[in-house]
Amino acid sequence: MSEKPVIVTLCGSTKFKDEFVSANLRETLKGKIVLSIGCDTKTDDDIFGHLSEEEFKKTKEKLDWLHKRKIDISDEILVLDVNGYIGESTKGEIDHAKSCNKRIRYLSEESEAVDE
């Protein structure tokens, strides 16, 4: 195992935390290094509900910036587009990955290939 493993960043809505856990395991078992969201055990309201609207906005901007840095060091991203849902932050991450010429995979496309 001297080959460098592929680094994949998981992108998608944090409301799909169970899919982040599942995708992390699947990708890890494929021998990939997986970068994911910082916290997948609570909803945004549970974590940030005490913040003012301005504080929440600043925190969200910092987290979005950090996730894009994960994309920068990745070879590819896996978009967790559960039920076709892609939110604004995820759209920004996809655009960023495209601008960096990263490979972009979609969970929905991989699920369809397995179903066929």
PDB file of N, CA and C in Angstrom:
ATOM      1  N   MET A   1       0.819  -1.199   0.000  1.00  0.00           N
ATOM      2  CA  MET A   1       0.000   0.000   0.000  1.00  0.00           C
ATOM      3  C   MET A   1       0.856   1.253   0.000  1.00  0.00           C
ATOM      4  N   SER A   2       1.623   1.421  -1.044  1.00  0.00           N
ATOM      5  CA  SER A   2       2.465   2.605  -1.132  1.00  0.00           C
ATOM      6  C   SER A   2       1.795   3.735  -1.901  1.00  0.00           C
ATOM      7  N   GLU A   3       0.669   3.440  -2.553  1.00  0.00           N
ATOM      8  CA  GLU A   3      -0.045   4.461  -3.305  1.00  0.00           C
ATOM      9  C   GLU A   3      -0.740   5.441  -2.365  1.00  0.00           C
ATOM     10  N   LYS A   4      -0.723   6.715  -2.749  1.00  0.00           N
ATOM     11  CA  LYS A   4      -1.384   7.752  -1.944  1.00  0.00           C
ATOM     12  C   LYS A   4      -2.896   7.576  -2.036  1.00  0.00           C
ATOM     13  N   PRO A   5      -3.591   7.519  -0.900  1.00  0.00           N
ATOM     14  CA  PRO A   5      -5.049   7.372  -0.955  1.00  0.00           C
ATOM     15  C   PRO A   5      -5.727   8.645  -1.444  1.00  0.00           C
ATOM     16  N   VAL A   6      -6.867   8.453  -2.085  1.00  0.00           N
ATOM     17  CA  VAL A   6      -7.694   9.568  -2.538  1.00  0.00           C
ATOM     18  C   VAL A   6      -8.291  10.252  -1.309  1.00  0.00           C
ATOM     19  N   ILE A   7      -8.331  11.575  -1.344  1.00  0.00           N
ATOM     20  CA  ILE A   7      -8.968  12.353  -0.282  1.00  0.00           C
ATOM     21  C   ILE A   7     -10.297  12.865  -0.825  1.00  0.00           C
ATOM     22  N   VAL A   8     -11.377  12.566  -0.106  1.00  0.00           N
ATOM     23  CA  VAL A   8     -12.716  12.977  -0.521  1.00  0.00           C
ATOM     24  C   VAL A   8     -13.353  13.830   0.577  1.00  0.00           C
ATOM     25  N   THR A   9     -13.965  14.930   0.173  1.00  0.00           N
ATOM     26  CA  THR A   9     -14.723  15.759   1.106  1.00  0.00           C
ATOM     27  C   THR A   9     -16.203  15.519   0.871  1.00  0.00           C
ATOM     28  N   LEU A  10     -16.928  15.233   1.940  1.00  0.00           N
ATOM     29  CA  LEU A  10     -18.370  15.052   1.872  1.00  0.00           C
ATOM     30  C   LEU A  10     -19.044  16.412   1.941  1.00  0.00           C
ATOM     31  N   CYS A  11     -19.980  16.659   1.033  1.00  0.00           N
ATOM     32  CA  CYS A  11     -20.700  17.926   0.987  1.00  0.00           C
ATOM     33  C   CYS A  11     -22.198  17.651   0.975  1.00  0.00           C
ATOM     34  N   GLY A  12     -22.944  18.433   1.715  1.00  0.00           N
ATOM     35  CA  GLY A  12     -24.386  18.281   1.741  1.00  0.00           C
ATOM     36  C   GLY A  12     -24.957  18.960   2.963  1.00  0.00           C
ATOM     37  N   SER A  13     -26.259  18.907   3.074  1.00  0.00           N
ATOM     38  CA  SER A  13     -26.940  19.528   4.197  1.00  0.00           C
ATOM     39  C   SER A  13     -26.672  18.757   5.483  1.00  0.00           C
ATOM     40  N   THR A  14     -26.394  19.492   6.550  1.00  0.00           N
ATOM     41  CA  THR A  14     -26.154  18.850   7.841  1.00  0.00           C
ATOM     42  C   THR A  14     -27.412  18.175   8.387  1.00  0.00           C
ATOM     43  N   LYS A  15     -28.559  18.450   7.801  1.00  0.00           N
ATOM     44  CA  LYS A  15     -29.768  17.762   8.261  1.00  0.00           C
ATOM     45  C   LYS A  15     -29.753  16.286   7.876  1.00  0.00           C
ATOM     46  N   PHE A  16     -28.834  15.910   6.987  1.00  0.00           N
ATOM     47  CA  PHE A  16     -28.694  14.507   6.589  1.00  0.00           C
ATOM     48  C   PHE A  16     -27.524  13.856   7.314  1.00  0.00           C
ATOM     49  N   LYS A  17     -27.453  14.065   8.617  1.00  0.00           N
ATOM     50  CA  LYS A  17     -26.302  13.588   9.395  1.00  0.00           C
ATOM     51  C   LYS A  17     -26.104  12.083   9.290  1.00  0.00           C
ATOM     52  N   ASP A  18     -27.196  11.311   9.213  1.00  0.00           N
ATOM     53  CA  ASP A  18     -27.047   9.857   9.099  1.00  0.00           C
ATOM     54  C   ASP A  18     -26.367   9.476   7.788  1.00  0.00           C
ATOM     55  N   GLU A  19     -26.660  10.218   6.724  1.00  0.00           N
ATOM     56  CA  GLU A  19     -26.021   9.933   5.442  1.00  0.00           C
ATOM     57  C   GLU A  19     -24.542  10.299   5.477  1.00  0.00           C
ATOM     58  N   PHE A  20     -24.175  11.340   6.224  1.00  0.00           N
ATOM     59  CA  PHE A  20     -22.758  11.667   6.383  1.00  0.00           C
ATOM     60  C   PHE A  20     -22.021  10.510   7.056  1.00  0.00           C
ATOM     61  N   VAL A  21     -22.620   9.948   8.083  1.00  0.00           N
ATOM     62  CA  VAL A  21     -22.002   8.822   8.797  1.00  0.00           C
ATOM     63  C   VAL A  21     -21.854   7.624   7.857  1.00  0.00           C
ATOM     64  N   SER A  22     -22.926   7.294   7.125  1.00  0.00           N
ATOM     65  CA  SER A  22     -22.891   6.155   6.203  1.00  0.00           C
ATOM     66  C   SER A  22     -21.869   6.353   5.086  1.00  0.00           C
ATOM     67  N   ALA A  23     -21.861   7.547   4.496  1.00  0.00           N
ATOM     68  CA  ALA A  23     -20.932   7.829   3.405  1.00  0.00           C
ATOM     69  C   ALA A  23     -19.493   7.800   3.907  1.00  0.00           C
ATOM     70  N   ASN A  24     -19.269   8.312   5.112  1.00  0.00           N
ATOM     71  CA  ASN A  24     -17.929   8.294   5.688  1.00  0.00           C
ATOM     72  C   ASN A  24     -17.423   6.857   5.796  1.00  0.00           C
ATOM     73  N   LEU A  25     -18.259   5.967   6.281  1.00  0.00           N
ATOM     74  CA  LEU A  25     -17.864   4.565   6.415  1.00  0.00           C
ATOM     75  C   LEU A  25     -17.618   3.938   5.046  1.00  0.00           C
ATOM     76  N   ARG A  26     -18.542   4.123   4.101  1.00  0.00           N
ATOM     77  CA  ARG A  26     -18.385   3.532   2.761  1.00  0.00           C
ATOM     78  C   ARG A  26     -17.089   3.992   2.102  1.00  0.00           C
ATOM     79  N   GLU A  27     -16.835   5.295   2.152  1.00  0.00           N
ATOM     80  CA  GLU A  27     -15.640   5.837   1.512  1.00  0.00           C
ATOM     81  C   GLU A  27     -14.368   5.373   2.215  1.00  0.00           C
ATOM     82  N   THR A  28     -14.404   5.310   3.530  1.00  0.00           N
ATOM     83  CA  THR A  28     -13.247   4.828   4.292  1.00  0.00           C
ATOM     84  C   THR A  28     -12.945   3.375   3.940  1.00  0.00           C
ATOM     85  N   LEU A  29     -13.979   2.558   3.836  1.00  0.00           N
ATOM     86  CA  LEU A  29     -13.780   1.148   3.479  1.00  0.00           C
ATOM     87  C   LEU A  29     -13.246   0.980   2.057  1.00  0.00           C
ATOM     88  N   LYS A  30     -13.442   1.994   1.216  1.00  0.00           N
ATOM     89  CA  LYS A  30     -12.868   1.990  -0.131  1.00  0.00           C
ATOM     90  C   LYS A  30     -11.401   2.417  -0.107  1.00  0.00           C
ATOM     91  N   GLY A  31     -10.891   2.760   1.088  1.00  0.00           N
ATOM     92  CA  GLY A  31      -9.496   3.149   1.231  1.00  0.00           C
ATOM     93  C   GLY A  31      -9.238   4.632   1.042  1.00  0.00           C
ATOM     94  N   LYS A  32     -10.275   5.443   1.165  1.00  0.00           N
ATOM     95  CA  LYS A  32     -10.127   6.883   0.982  1.00  0.00           C
ATOM     96  C   LYS A  32     -10.005   7.598   2.328  1.00  0.00           C
ATOM     97  N   ILE A  33      -9.340   8.726   2.310  1.00  0.00           N
ATOM     98  CA  ILE A  33      -9.305   9.624   3.454  1.00  0.00           C
ATOM     99  C   ILE A  33     -10.523  10.523   3.320  1.00  0.00           C
ATOM    100  N   VAL A  34     -11.365  10.572   4.359  1.00  0.00           N
ATOM    101  CA  VAL A  34     -12.630  11.282   4.289  1.00  0.00           C
ATOM    102  C   VAL A  34     -12.595  12.533   5.161  1.00  0.00           C
ATOM    103  N   LEU A  35     -12.929  13.664   4.552  1.00  0.00           N
ATOM    104  CA  LEU A  35     -13.099  14.913   5.278  1.00  0.00           C
ATOM    105  C   LEU A  35     -14.589  15.216   5.289  1.00  0.00           C
ATOM    106  N   SER A  36     -15.106  15.616   6.437  1.00  0.00           N
ATOM    107  CA  SER A  36     -16.543  15.776   6.574  1.00  0.00           C
ATOM    108  C   SER A  36     -16.870  17.038   7.355  1.00  0.00           C
ATOM    109  N   ILE A  37     -18.136  17.159   7.712  1.00  0.00           N
ATOM    110  CA  ILE A  37     -18.584  18.294   8.512  1.00  0.00           C
ATOM    111  C   ILE A  37     -17.989  18.196   9.909  1.00  0.00           C
ATOM    112  N   GLY A  38     -17.889  19.335  10.568  1.00  0.00           N
ATOM    113  CA  GLY A  38     -17.248  19.386  11.870  1.00  0.00           C
ATOM    114  C   GLY A  38     -18.039  18.746  12.989  1.00  0.00           C
ATOM    115  N   CYS A  39     -19.351  18.759  12.889  1.00  0.00           N
ATOM    116  CA  CYS A  39     -20.190  18.197  13.941  1.00  0.00           C
ATOM    117  C   CYS A  39     -21.425  17.607  13.296  1.00  0.00           C
ATOM    118  N   ASP A  40     -21.684  16.340  13.575  1.00  0.00           N
ATOM    119  CA  ASP A  40     -22.834  15.699  12.950  1.00  0.00           C
ATOM    120  C   ASP A  40     -23.762  15.062  13.984  1.00  0.00           C
ATOM    121  N   THR A  41     -23.713  15.574  15.193  1.00  0.00           N
ATOM    122  CA  THR A  41     -24.524  14.958  16.244  1.00  0.00           C
ATOM    123  C   THR A  41     -25.710  15.811  16.668  1.00  0.00           C
ATOM    124  N   LYS A  42     -25.777  17.040  16.169  1.00  0.00           N
ATOM    125  CA  LYS A  42     -26.847  17.948  16.579  1.00  0.00           C
ATOM    126  C   LYS A  42     -27.310  18.769  15.388  1.00  0.00           C
ATOM    127  N   THR A  43     -28.475  19.351  15.496  1.00  0.00           N
ATOM    128  CA  THR A  43     -28.961  20.244  14.449  1.00  0.00           C
ATOM    129  C   THR A  43     -28.292  21.613  14.606  1.00  0.00           C
ATOM    130  N   ASP A  44     -28.394  22.423  13.568  1.00  0.00           N
ATOM    131  CA  ASP A  44     -27.855  23.791  13.646  1.00  0.00           C
ATOM    132  C   ASP A  44     -28.487  24.552  14.808  1.00  0.00           C
ATOM    133  N   ASP A  45     -29.795  24.365  15.022  1.00  0.00           N
ATOM    134  CA  ASP A  45     -30.468  25.049  16.125  1.00  0.00           C
ATOM    135  C   ASP A  45     -29.914  24.621  17.475  1.00  0.00           C
ATOM    136  N   ASP A  46     -29.617  23.323  17.633  1.00  0.00           N
ATOM    137  CA  ASP A  46     -29.050  22.835  18.893  1.00  0.00           C
ATOM    138  C   ASP A  46     -27.689  23.473  19.176  1.00  0.00           C
ATOM    139  N   ILE A  47     -26.902  23.633  18.126  1.00  0.00           N
ATOM    140  CA  ILE A  47     -25.542  24.152  18.298  1.00  0.00           C
ATOM    141  C   ILE A  47     -25.500  25.677  18.323  1.00  0.00           C
ATOM    142  N   PHE A  48     -26.274  26.309  17.430  1.00  0.00           N
ATOM    143  CA  PHE A  48     -26.153  27.753  17.230  1.00  0.00           C
ATOM    144  C   PHE A  48     -27.381  28.548  17.648  1.00  0.00           C
ATOM    145  N   GLY A  49     -28.387  27.896  18.198  1.00  0.00           N
ATOM    146  CA  GLY A  49     -29.647  28.550  18.535  1.00  0.00           C
ATOM    147  C   GLY A  49     -29.512  29.712  19.495  1.00  0.00           C
ATOM    148  N   HIS A  50     -28.466  29.708  20.302  1.00  0.00           N
ATOM    149  CA  HIS A  50     -28.263  30.774  21.284  1.00  0.00           C
ATOM    150  C   HIS A  50     -27.622  32.029  20.683  1.00  0.00           C
ATOM    151  N   LEU A  51     -27.146  31.939  19.431  1.00  0.00           N
ATOM    152  CA  LEU A  51     -26.463  33.072  18.804  1.00  0.00           C
ATOM    153  C   LEU A  51     -27.454  34.061  18.220  1.00  0.00           C
ATOM    154  N   SER A  52     -27.039  35.316  18.200  1.00  0.00           N
ATOM    155  CA  SER A  52     -27.843  36.322  17.501  1.00  0.00           C
ATOM    156  C   SER A  52     -27.765  36.035  16.002  1.00  0.00           C
ATOM    157  N   GLU A  53     -28.639  36.649  15.242  1.00  0.00           N
ATOM    158  CA  GLU A  53     -28.642  36.435  13.790  1.00  0.00           C
ATOM    159  C   GLU A  53     -27.291  36.826  13.184  1.00  0.00           C
ATOM    160  N   GLU A  54     -26.725  37.934  13.664  1.00  0.00           N
ATOM    161  CA  GLU A  54     -25.429  38.394  13.153  1.00  0.00           C
ATOM    162  C   GLU A  54     -24.308  37.418  13.525  1.00  0.00           C
ATOM    163  N   GLU A  55     -24.314  36.942  14.775  1.00  0.00           N
ATOM    164  CA  GLU A  55     -23.295  35.974  15.200  1.00  0.00           C
ATOM    165  C   GLU A  55     -23.423  34.666  14.421  1.00  0.00           C
ATOM    166  N   PHE A  56     -24.662  34.224  14.188  1.00  0.00           N
ATOM    167  CA  PHE A  56     -24.883  33.003  13.422  1.00  0.00           C
ATOM    168  C   PHE A  56     -24.343  33.160  12.008  1.00  0.00           C
ATOM    169  N   LYS A  57     -24.624  34.308  11.386  1.00  0.00           N
ATOM    170  CA  LYS A  57     -24.156  34.559  10.027  1.00  0.00           C
ATOM    171  C   LYS A  57     -22.630  34.502   9.952  1.00  0.00           C
ATOM    172  N   LYS A  58     -21.954  35.134  10.918  1.00  0.00           N
ATOM    173  CA  LYS A  58     -20.485  35.122  10.945  1.00  0.00           C
ATOM    174  C   LYS A  58     -19.956  33.706  11.144  1.00  0.00           C
ATOM    175  N   THR A  59     -20.574  32.957  12.038  1.00  0.00           N
ATOM    176  CA  THR A  59     -20.148  31.584  12.304  1.00  0.00           C
ATOM    177  C   THR A  59     -20.342  30.728  11.061  1.00  0.00           C
ATOM    178  N   LYS A  60     -21.484  30.876  10.399  1.00  0.00           N
ATOM    179  CA  LYS A  60     -21.775  30.106   9.185  1.00  0.00           C
ATOM    180  C   LYS A  60     -20.766  30.440   8.097  1.00  0.00           C
ATOM    181  N   GLU A  61     -20.419  31.704   7.957  1.00  0.00           N
ATOM    182  CA  GLU A  61     -19.422  32.101   6.961  1.00  0.00           C
ATOM    183  C   GLU A  61     -18.067  31.455   7.263  1.00  0.00           C
ATOM    184  N   LYS A  62     -17.675  31.412   8.523  1.00  0.00           N
ATOM    185  CA  LYS A  62     -16.406  30.778   8.906  1.00  0.00           C
ATOM    186  C   LYS A  62     -16.420  29.288   8.594  1.00  0.00           C
ATOM    187  N   LEU A  63     -17.542  28.635   8.912  1.00  0.00           N
ATOM    188  CA  LEU A  63     -17.643  27.198   8.654  1.00  0.00           C
ATOM    189  C   LEU A  63     -17.655  26.900   7.150  1.00  0.00           C
ATOM    190  N   ASP A  64     -18.338  27.739   6.384  1.00  0.00           N
ATOM    191  CA  ASP A  64     -18.342  27.571   4.925  1.00  0.00           C
ATOM    192  C   ASP A  64     -16.933  27.755   4.363  1.00  0.00           C
ATOM    193  N   TRP A  65     -16.226  28.754   4.849  1.00  0.00           N
ATOM    194  CA  TRP A  65     -14.845  28.997   4.417  1.00  0.00           C
ATOM    195  C   TRP A  65     -13.977  27.787   4.740  1.00  0.00           C
ATOM    196  N   LEU A  66     -14.102  27.267   5.948  1.00  0.00           N
ATOM    197  CA  LEU A  66     -13.302  26.114   6.369  1.00  0.00           C
ATOM    198  C   LEU A  66     -13.613  24.888   5.515  1.00  0.00           C
ATOM    199  N   HIS A  67     -14.884  24.666   5.208  1.00  0.00           N
ATOM    200  CA  HIS A  67     -15.238  23.499   4.393  1.00  0.00           C
ATOM    201  C   HIS A  67     -14.645  23.625   2.983  1.00  0.00           C
ATOM    202  N   LYS A  68     -14.565  24.836   2.468  1.00  0.00           N
ATOM    203  CA  LYS A  68     -13.934  25.032   1.160  1.00  0.00           C
ATOM    204  C   LYS A  68     -12.438  24.767   1.214  1.00  0.00           C
ATOM    205  N   ARG A  69     -11.818  24.998   2.359  1.00  0.00           N
ATOM    206  CA  ARG A  69     -10.398  24.665   2.481  1.00  0.00           C
ATOM    207  C   ARG A  69     -10.223  23.136   2.484  1.00  0.00           C
ATOM    208  N   LYS A  70     -11.201  22.418   3.039  1.00  0.00           N
ATOM    209  CA  LYS A  70     -11.175  20.959   2.964  1.00  0.00           C
ATOM    210  C   LYS A  70     -11.249  20.521   1.507  1.00  0.00           C
ATOM    211  N   ILE A  71     -12.099  21.184   0.738  1.00  0.00           N
ATOM    212  CA  ILE A  71     -12.201  20.876  -0.692  1.00  0.00           C
ATOM    213  C   ILE A  71     -10.873  21.149  -1.385  1.00  0.00           C
ATOM    214  N   ASP A  72     -10.211  22.228  -1.007  1.00  0.00           N
ATOM    215  CA  ASP A  72      -8.918  22.580  -1.603  1.00  0.00           C
ATOM    216  C   ASP A  72      -7.901  21.446  -1.473  1.00  0.00           C
ATOM    217  N   ILE A  73      -7.883  20.762  -0.356  1.00  0.00           N
ATOM    218  CA  ILE A  73      -6.886  19.706  -0.143  1.00  0.00           C
ATOM    219  C   ILE A  73      -7.389  18.325  -0.567  1.00  0.00           C
ATOM    220  N   SER A  74      -8.612  18.275  -1.088  1.00  0.00           N
ATOM    221  CA  SER A  74      -9.203  17.014  -1.529  1.00  0.00           C
ATOM    222  C   SER A  74      -8.909  16.752  -3.001  1.00  0.00           C
ATOM    223  N   ASP A  75      -9.045  15.490  -3.358  1.00  0.00           N
ATOM    224  CA  ASP A  75      -8.976  15.095  -4.755  1.00  0.00           C
ATOM    225  C   ASP A  75     -10.362  15.154  -5.402  1.00  0.00           C
ATOM    226  N   GLU A  76     -11.397  14.979  -4.570  1.00  0.00           N
ATOM    227  CA  GLU A  76     -12.765  14.931  -5.074  1.00  0.00           C
ATOM    228  C   GLU A  76     -13.736  15.289  -3.963  1.00  0.00           C
ATOM    229  N   ILE A  77     -14.983  15.565  -4.381  1.00  0.00           N
ATOM    230  CA  ILE A  77     -16.049  15.738  -3.399  1.00  0.00           C
ATOM    231  C   ILE A  77     -17.149  14.724  -3.706  1.00  0.00           C
ATOM    232  N   LEU A  78     -17.872  14.341  -2.675  1.00  0.00           N
ATOM    233  CA  LEU A  78     -19.059  13.516  -2.809  1.00  0.00           C
ATOM    234  C   LEU A  78     -20.220  14.334  -2.277  1.00  0.00           C
ATOM    235  N   VAL A  79     -21.140  14.694  -3.171  1.00  0.00           N
ATOM    236  CA  VAL A  79     -22.306  15.498  -2.803  1.00  0.00           C
ATOM    237  C   VAL A  79     -23.397  14.558  -2.312  1.00  0.00           C
ATOM    238  N   LEU A  80     -23.813  14.749  -1.076  1.00  0.00           N
ATOM    239  CA  LEU A  80     -24.864  13.931  -0.481  1.00  0.00           C
ATOM    240  C   LEU A  80     -26.203  14.590  -0.773  1.00  0.00           C
ATOM    241  N   ASP A  81     -26.660  14.404  -1.997  1.00  0.00           N
ATOM    242  CA  ASP A  81     -27.892  15.030  -2.490  1.00  0.00           C
ATOM    243  C   ASP A  81     -29.091  14.121  -2.203  1.00  0.00           C
ATOM    244  N   VAL A  82     -29.375  13.951  -0.933  1.00  0.00           N
ATOM    245  CA  VAL A  82     -30.458  13.077  -0.486  1.00  0.00           C
ATOM    246  C   VAL A  82     -31.791  13.600  -1.026  1.00  0.00           C
ATOM    247  N   ASN A  83     -32.532  12.730  -1.667  1.00  0.00           N
ATOM    248  CA  ASN A  83     -33.814  13.104  -2.290  1.00  0.00           C
ATOM    249  C   ASN A  83     -33.676  14.295  -3.240  1.00  0.00           C
ATOM    250  N   GLY A  84     -32.498  14.441  -3.847  1.00  0.00           N
ATOM    251  CA  GLY A  84     -32.256  15.515  -4.805  1.00  0.00           C
ATOM    252  C   GLY A  84     -32.000  16.873  -4.185  1.00  0.00           C
ATOM    253  N   TYR A  85     -31.925  16.941  -2.853  1.00  0.00           N
ATOM    254  CA  TYR A  85     -31.776  18.237  -2.182  1.00  0.00           C
ATOM    255  C   TYR A  85     -30.326  18.717  -2.207  1.00  0.00           C
ATOM    256  N   ILE A  86     -30.144  19.929  -2.720  1.00  0.00           N
ATOM    257  CA  ILE A  86     -28.847  20.616  -2.665  1.00  0.00           C
ATOM    258  C   ILE A  86     -29.126  22.044  -2.228  1.00  0.00           C
ATOM    259  N   GLY A  87     -28.688  22.405  -1.027  1.00  0.00           N
ATOM    260  CA  GLY A  87     -28.908  23.742  -0.489  1.00  0.00           C
ATOM    261  C   GLY A  87     -27.897  24.753  -1.004  1.00  0.00           C
ATOM    262  N   GLU A  88     -28.070  25.987  -0.574  1.00  0.00           N
ATOM    263  CA  GLU A  88     -27.211  27.080  -1.046  1.00  0.00           C
ATOM    264  C   GLU A  88     -25.742  26.877  -0.690  1.00  0.00           C
ATOM    265  N   SER A  89     -25.456  26.458   0.546  1.00  0.00           N
ATOM    266  CA  SER A  89     -24.050  26.241   0.934  1.00  0.00           C
ATOM    267  C   SER A  89     -23.423  25.146   0.087  1.00  0.00           C
ATOM    268  N   THR A  90     -24.183  24.077  -0.144  1.00  0.00           N
ATOM    269  CA  THR A  90     -23.661  22.963  -0.941  1.00  0.00           C
ATOM    270  C   THR A  90     -23.447  23.409  -2.384  1.00  0.00           C
ATOM    271  N   LYS A  91     -24.355  24.230  -2.922  1.00  0.00           N
ATOM    272  CA  LYS A  91     -24.155  24.759  -4.275  1.00  0.00           C
ATOM    273  C   LYS A  91     -22.847  25.541  -4.350  1.00  0.00           C
ATOM    274  N   GLY A  92     -22.561  26.325  -3.304  1.00  0.00           N
ATOM    275  CA  GLY A  92     -21.312  27.072  -3.259  1.00  0.00           C
ATOM    276  C   GLY A  92     -20.102  26.153  -3.201  1.00  0.00           C
ATOM    277  N   GLU A  93     -20.230  25.047  -2.486  1.00  0.00           N
ATOM    278  CA  GLU A  93     -19.133  24.079  -2.400  1.00  0.00           C
ATOM    279  C   GLU A  93     -18.906  23.398  -3.753  1.00  0.00           C
ATOM    280  N   ILE A  94     -19.987  23.076  -4.446  1.00  0.00           N
ATOM    281  CA  ILE A  94     -19.873  22.470  -5.782  1.00  0.00           C
ATOM    282  C   ILE A  94     -19.190  23.450  -6.736  1.00  0.00           C
ATOM    283  N   ASP A  95     -19.614  24.701  -6.711  1.00  0.00           N
ATOM    284  CA  ASP A  95     -18.986  25.720  -7.556  1.00  0.00           C
ATOM    285  C   ASP A  95     -17.502  25.856  -7.240  1.00  0.00           C
ATOM    286  N   HIS A  96     -17.175  25.824  -5.957  1.00  0.00           N
ATOM    287  CA  HIS A  96     -15.773  25.924  -5.552  1.00  0.00           C
ATOM    288  C   HIS A  96     -14.981  24.726  -6.072  1.00  0.00           C
ATOM    289  N   ALA A  97     -15.545  23.529  -5.933  1.00  0.00           N
ATOM    290  CA  ALA A  97     -14.867  22.323  -6.418  1.00  0.00           C
ATOM    291  C   ALA A  97     -14.649  22.396  -7.929  1.00  0.00           C
ATOM    292  N   LYS A  98     -15.653  22.885  -8.652  1.00  0.00           N
ATOM    293  CA  LYS A  98     -15.516  23.043 -10.106  1.00  0.00           C
ATOM    294  C   LYS A  98     -14.388  24.010 -10.438  1.00  0.00           C
ATOM    295  N   SER A  99     -14.320  25.127  -9.709  1.00  0.00           N
ATOM    296  CA  SER A  99     -13.290  26.136  -9.980  1.00  0.00           C
ATOM    297  C   SER A  99     -11.889  25.611  -9.685  1.00  0.00           C
ATOM    298  N   CYS A 100     -11.816  24.585  -8.845  1.00  0.00           N
ATOM    299  CA  CYS A 100     -10.526  23.964  -8.496  1.00  0.00           C
ATOM    300  C   CYS A 100     -10.264  22.698  -9.305  1.00  0.00           C
ATOM    301  N   ASN A 101     -11.150  22.418 -10.267  1.00  0.00           N
ATOM    302  CA  ASN A 101     -11.024  21.227 -11.111  1.00  0.00           C
ATOM    303  C   ASN A 101     -11.006  19.921 -10.323  1.00  0.00           C
ATOM    304  N   LYS A 102     -11.827  19.863  -9.290  1.00  0.00           N
ATOM    305  CA  LYS A 102     -11.945  18.646  -8.489  1.00  0.00           C
ATOM    306  C   LYS A 102     -12.982  17.718  -9.130  1.00  0.00           C
ATOM    307  N   ARG A 103     -12.796  16.433  -8.941  1.00  0.00           N
ATOM    308  CA  ARG A 103     -13.801  15.463  -9.378  1.00  0.00           C
ATOM    309  C   ARG A 103     -15.028  15.642  -8.475  1.00  0.00           C
ATOM    310  N   ILE A 104     -16.217  15.611  -9.076  1.00  0.00           N
ATOM    311  CA  ILE A 104     -17.465  15.784  -8.316  1.00  0.00           C
ATOM    312  C   ILE A 104     -18.327  14.550  -8.532  1.00  0.00           C
ATOM    313  N   ARG A 105     -18.656  13.893  -7.450  1.00  0.00           N
ATOM    314  CA  ARG A 105     -19.543  12.735  -7.480  1.00  0.00           C
ATOM    315  C   ARG A 105     -20.819  13.087  -6.728  1.00  0.00           C
ATOM    316  N   TYR A 106     -21.927  12.448  -7.133  1.00  0.00           N
ATOM    317  CA  TYR A 106     -23.220  12.682  -6.494  1.00  0.00           C
ATOM    318  C   TYR A 106     -23.759  11.362  -5.957  1.00  0.00           C
ATOM    319  N   LEU A 107     -24.191  11.383  -4.716  1.00  0.00           N
ATOM    320  CA  LEU A 107     -24.754  10.191  -4.100  1.00  0.00           C
ATOM    321  C   LEU A 107     -25.898   9.632  -4.939  1.00  0.00           C
ATOM    322  N   SER A 108     -26.769  10.495  -5.455  1.00  0.00           N
ATOM    323  CA  SER A 108     -27.931  10.039  -6.224  1.00  0.00           C
ATOM    324  C   SER A 108     -27.507   9.260  -7.465  1.00  0.00           C
ATOM    325  N   GLU A 109     -26.443   9.679  -8.116  1.00  0.00           N
ATOM    326  CA  GLU A 109     -25.964   8.976  -9.306  1.00  0.00           C
ATOM    327  C   GLU A 109     -25.366   7.632  -8.949  1.00  0.00           C
ATOM    328  N   GLU A 110     -24.668   7.563  -7.825  1.00  0.00           N
ATOM    329  CA  GLU A 110     -24.081   6.298  -7.392  1.00  0.00           C
ATOM    330  C   GLU A 110     -25.154   5.328  -6.925  1.00  0.00           C
ATOM    331  N   SER A 111     -26.187   5.853  -6.280  1.00  0.00           N
ATOM    332  CA  SER A 111     -27.297   5.009  -5.814  1.00  0.00           C
ATOM    333  C   SER A 111     -28.034   4.406  -7.010  1.00  0.00           C
ATOM    334  N   GLU A 112     -28.222   5.209  -8.079  1.00  0.00           N
ATOM    335  CA  GLU A 112     -28.900   4.722  -9.272  1.00  0.00           C
ATOM    336  C   GLU A 112     -28.108   3.601  -9.921  1.00  0.00           C
ATOM    337  N   ALA A 113     -26.776   3.735  -9.937  1.00  0.00           N
ATOM    338  CA  ALA A 113     -25.930   2.709 -10.554  1.00  0.00           C
ATOM    339  C   ALA A 113     -26.037   1.393  -9.784  1.00  0.00           C
ATOM    340  N   VAL A 114     -26.162   1.454  -8.473  1.00  0.00           N
ATOM    341  CA  VAL A 114     -26.288   0.261  -7.648  1.00  0.00           C
ATOM    342  C   VAL A 114     -27.651  -0.382  -7.863  1.00  0.00           C
ATOM    343  N   ASP A 115     -28.694   0.437  -8.036  1.00  0.00           N
ATOM    344  CA  ASP A 115     -30.047  -0.062  -8.203  1.00  0.00           C
ATOM    345  C   ASP A 115     -30.260  -0.783  -9.536  1.00  0.00           C
ATOM    346  N   GLU A 116     -29.463  -0.432 -10.545  1.00  0.00           N
ATOM    347  CA  GLU A 116     -29.680  -0.993 -11.888  1.00  0.00           C
ATOM    348  C   GLU A 116     -29.196  -2.420 -11.995  1.00  0.00           C
TER     349      GLU A 116
END
